[in-house]
Every structure is written in structure tokens, then in C-alpha cells.
Amino acid sequence: MFEKINPLSFLGAILIVLGIILVLLPIIQKIAPSLEKAHPLLIIGKRVDGVYIGTSPILFIVLTAIYIVLILLRK
């Protein structure tokens, strides 16, 4: 099924979804709790001059595990 999808159509669908997410971001921000109240495993960050800069330790661990698995499968 997926091999019949035109790459340009797929790119268009991705861009439409991203556009919808960008339009809904202000609404999501009002509903979601503040980032400072999030669990430390979900996000760790720091506020610098009014901008919150952060990362997710869980995401870092998952991506590192995927990277290691791909390296081991290649050899």
C-alpha cells in the first residue's frame, strides 16, 4: 500500500499536518501544564531570558539505544 504513494503527495500531507499543529499550538499551550511542573524524566530544561530551552532524557536514551542497535546490526 505504501509503495504506491507519490513522494510529493506524502510531503504535502506532512506539511498539512505540521500546519494544523502550528495553528493549534496556542490552544495546546493553554491546556497543557507549564513545563516547569513536568516530571524530570519527561523534560529537563532551563529558562534563559524568557525562553525555555530543554531536552527529554527519555528521548535521548531511546535514540542512543536505536543508534547502538543500528551499529551492531551493520557489523
C-alpha atoms as a PDB file:
ATOM      1  CA  MET A   1       0.000   0.000   0.000  1.00  0.00           C
ATOM      2  CA  PHE A   2       2.733   2.473   0.939  1.00  0.00           C
ATOM      3  CA  GLU A   3       4.793   1.839  -2.201  1.00  0.00           C
ATOM      4  CA  LYS A   4       2.018   3.377  -4.323  1.00  0.00           C
ATOM      5  CA  ILE A   5       2.149   6.746  -2.533  1.00  0.00           C
ATOM      6  CA  ASN A   6       3.651   9.565  -4.565  1.00  0.00           C
ATOM      7  CA  PRO A   7       6.530  11.146  -2.586  1.00  0.00           C
ATOM      8  CA  LEU A   8       5.287  14.632  -3.414  1.00  0.00           C
ATOM      9  CA  SER A   9       1.823  13.788  -2.100  1.00  0.00           C
ATOM     10  CA  PHE A  10       3.361  12.363   1.068  1.00  0.00           C
ATOM     11  CA  LEU A  11       5.360  15.574   1.572  1.00  0.00           C
ATOM     12  CA  GLY A  12       2.179  17.586   1.074  1.00  0.00           C
ATOM     13  CA  ALA A  13       0.319  15.538   3.677  1.00  0.00           C
ATOM     14  CA  ILE A  14       3.169  16.000   6.174  1.00  0.00           C
ATOM     15  CA  LEU A  15       3.164  19.767   5.580  1.00  0.00           C
ATOM     16  CA  ILE A  16      -0.610  19.928   6.092  1.00  0.00           C
ATOM     17  CA  VAL A  17      -0.320  18.067   9.409  1.00  0.00           C
ATOM     18  CA  LEU A  18       2.502  20.375  10.528  1.00  0.00           C
ATOM     19  CA  GLY A  19       0.407  23.394   9.597  1.00  0.00           C
ATOM     20  CA  ILE A  20      -2.529  22.137  11.653  1.00  0.00           C
ATOM     21  CA  ILE A  21      -0.219  21.543  14.629  1.00  0.00           C
ATOM     22  CA  LEU A  22       1.200  25.067  14.322  1.00  0.00           C
ATOM     23  CA  VAL A  23      -2.297  26.547  14.228  1.00  0.00           C
ATOM     24  CA  LEU A  24      -3.330  24.548  17.314  1.00  0.00           C
ATOM     25  CA  LEU A  25      -0.186  25.336  19.355  1.00  0.00           C
ATOM     26  CA  PRO A  26      -1.679  28.339  21.205  1.00  0.00           C
ATOM     27  CA  ILE A  27      -4.687  26.247  22.250  1.00  0.00           C
ATOM     28  CA  ILE A  28      -2.451  23.364  23.352  1.00  0.00           C
ATOM     29  CA  GLN A  29      -0.313  25.776  25.354  1.00  0.00           C
ATOM     30  CA  LYS A  30      -3.331  26.987  27.347  1.00  0.00           C
ATOM     31  CA  ILE A  31      -4.481  23.431  28.092  1.00  0.00           C
ATOM     32  CA  ALA A  32      -1.099  21.830  28.868  1.00  0.00           C
ATOM     33  CA  PRO A  33       0.611  22.289  32.244  1.00  0.00           C
ATOM     34  CA  SER A  34       3.670  24.500  32.392  1.00  0.00           C
ATOM     35  CA  LEU A  35       6.986  22.885  31.543  1.00  0.00           C
ATOM     36  CA  GLU A  36       8.430  23.604  34.973  1.00  0.00           C
ATOM     37  CA  LYS A  37       5.837  21.271  36.530  1.00  0.00           C
ATOM     38  CA  ALA A  38       6.644  18.337  34.210  1.00  0.00           C
ATOM     39  CA  HIS A  39       8.361  15.221  35.546  1.00  0.00           C
ATOM     40  CA  PRO A  40      12.175  15.376  35.248  1.00  0.00           C
ATOM     41  CA  LEU A  41      12.262  12.269  33.028  1.00  0.00           C
ATOM     42  CA  LEU A  42       9.959  13.925  30.503  1.00  0.00           C
ATOM     43  CA  ILE A  43      11.811  17.203  30.144  1.00  0.00           C
ATOM     44  CA  ILE A  44      14.801  18.883  31.708  1.00  0.00           C
ATOM     45  CA  GLY A  45      15.434  22.463  30.851  1.00  0.00           C
ATOM     46  CA  LYS A  46      16.324  25.947  31.850  1.00  0.00           C
ATOM     47  CA  ARG A  47      14.697  29.318  31.290  1.00  0.00           C
ATOM     48  CA  VAL A  48      17.106  31.821  29.723  1.00  0.00           C
ATOM     49  CA  ASP A  49      15.867  35.373  29.136  1.00  0.00           C
ATOM     50  CA  GLY A  50      12.253  34.223  28.947  1.00  0.00           C
ATOM     51  CA  VAL A  51      12.976  31.327  26.549  1.00  0.00           C
ATOM     52  CA  TYR A  52      12.683  27.759  27.830  1.00  0.00           C
ATOM     53  CA  ILE A  53      15.432  25.519  26.478  1.00  0.00           C
ATOM     54  CA  GLY A  54      15.130  21.841  27.274  1.00  0.00           C
ATOM     55  CA  THR A  55      15.514  18.242  26.256  1.00  0.00           C
ATOM     56  CA  SER A  56      13.974  14.919  27.133  1.00  0.00           C
ATOM     57  CA  PRO A  57      16.189  12.349  28.849  1.00  0.00           C
ATOM     58  CA  ILE A  58      13.857   9.553  27.728  1.00  0.00           C
ATOM     59  CA  LEU A  59      14.164  10.661  24.105  1.00  0.00           C
ATOM     60  CA  PHE A  60      17.943  10.798  24.452  1.00  0.00           C
ATOM     61  CA  ILE A  61      18.067   7.258  25.892  1.00  0.00           C
ATOM     62  CA  VAL A  62      15.765   5.833  23.201  1.00  0.00           C
ATOM     63  CA  LEU A  63      17.698   7.459  20.359  1.00  0.00           C
ATOM     64  CA  THR A  64      21.009   6.256  21.802  1.00  0.00           C
ATOM     65  CA  ALA A  65      19.649   2.700  22.042  1.00  0.00           C
ATOM     66  CA  ILE A  66      18.425   2.827  18.431  1.00  0.00           C
ATOM     67  CA  TYR A  67      21.809   4.133  17.309  1.00  0.00           C
ATOM     68  CA  ILE A  68      23.653   1.321  19.121  1.00  0.00           C
ATOM     69  CA  VAL A  69      21.298  -1.321  17.671  1.00  0.00           C
ATOM     70  CA  LEU A  70      21.824   0.019  14.142  1.00  0.00           C
ATOM     71  CA  ILE A  71      25.593  -0.013  14.589  1.00  0.00           C
ATOM     72  CA  LEU A  72      25.517  -3.606  15.901  1.00  0.00           C
ATOM     73  CA  LEU A  73      23.275  -4.783  13.040  1.00  0.00           C
ATOM     74  CA  ARG A  74      25.570  -3.250  10.446  1.00  0.00           C
ATOM     75  CA  LYS A  75      28.591  -5.353  11.549  1.00  0.00           C
END
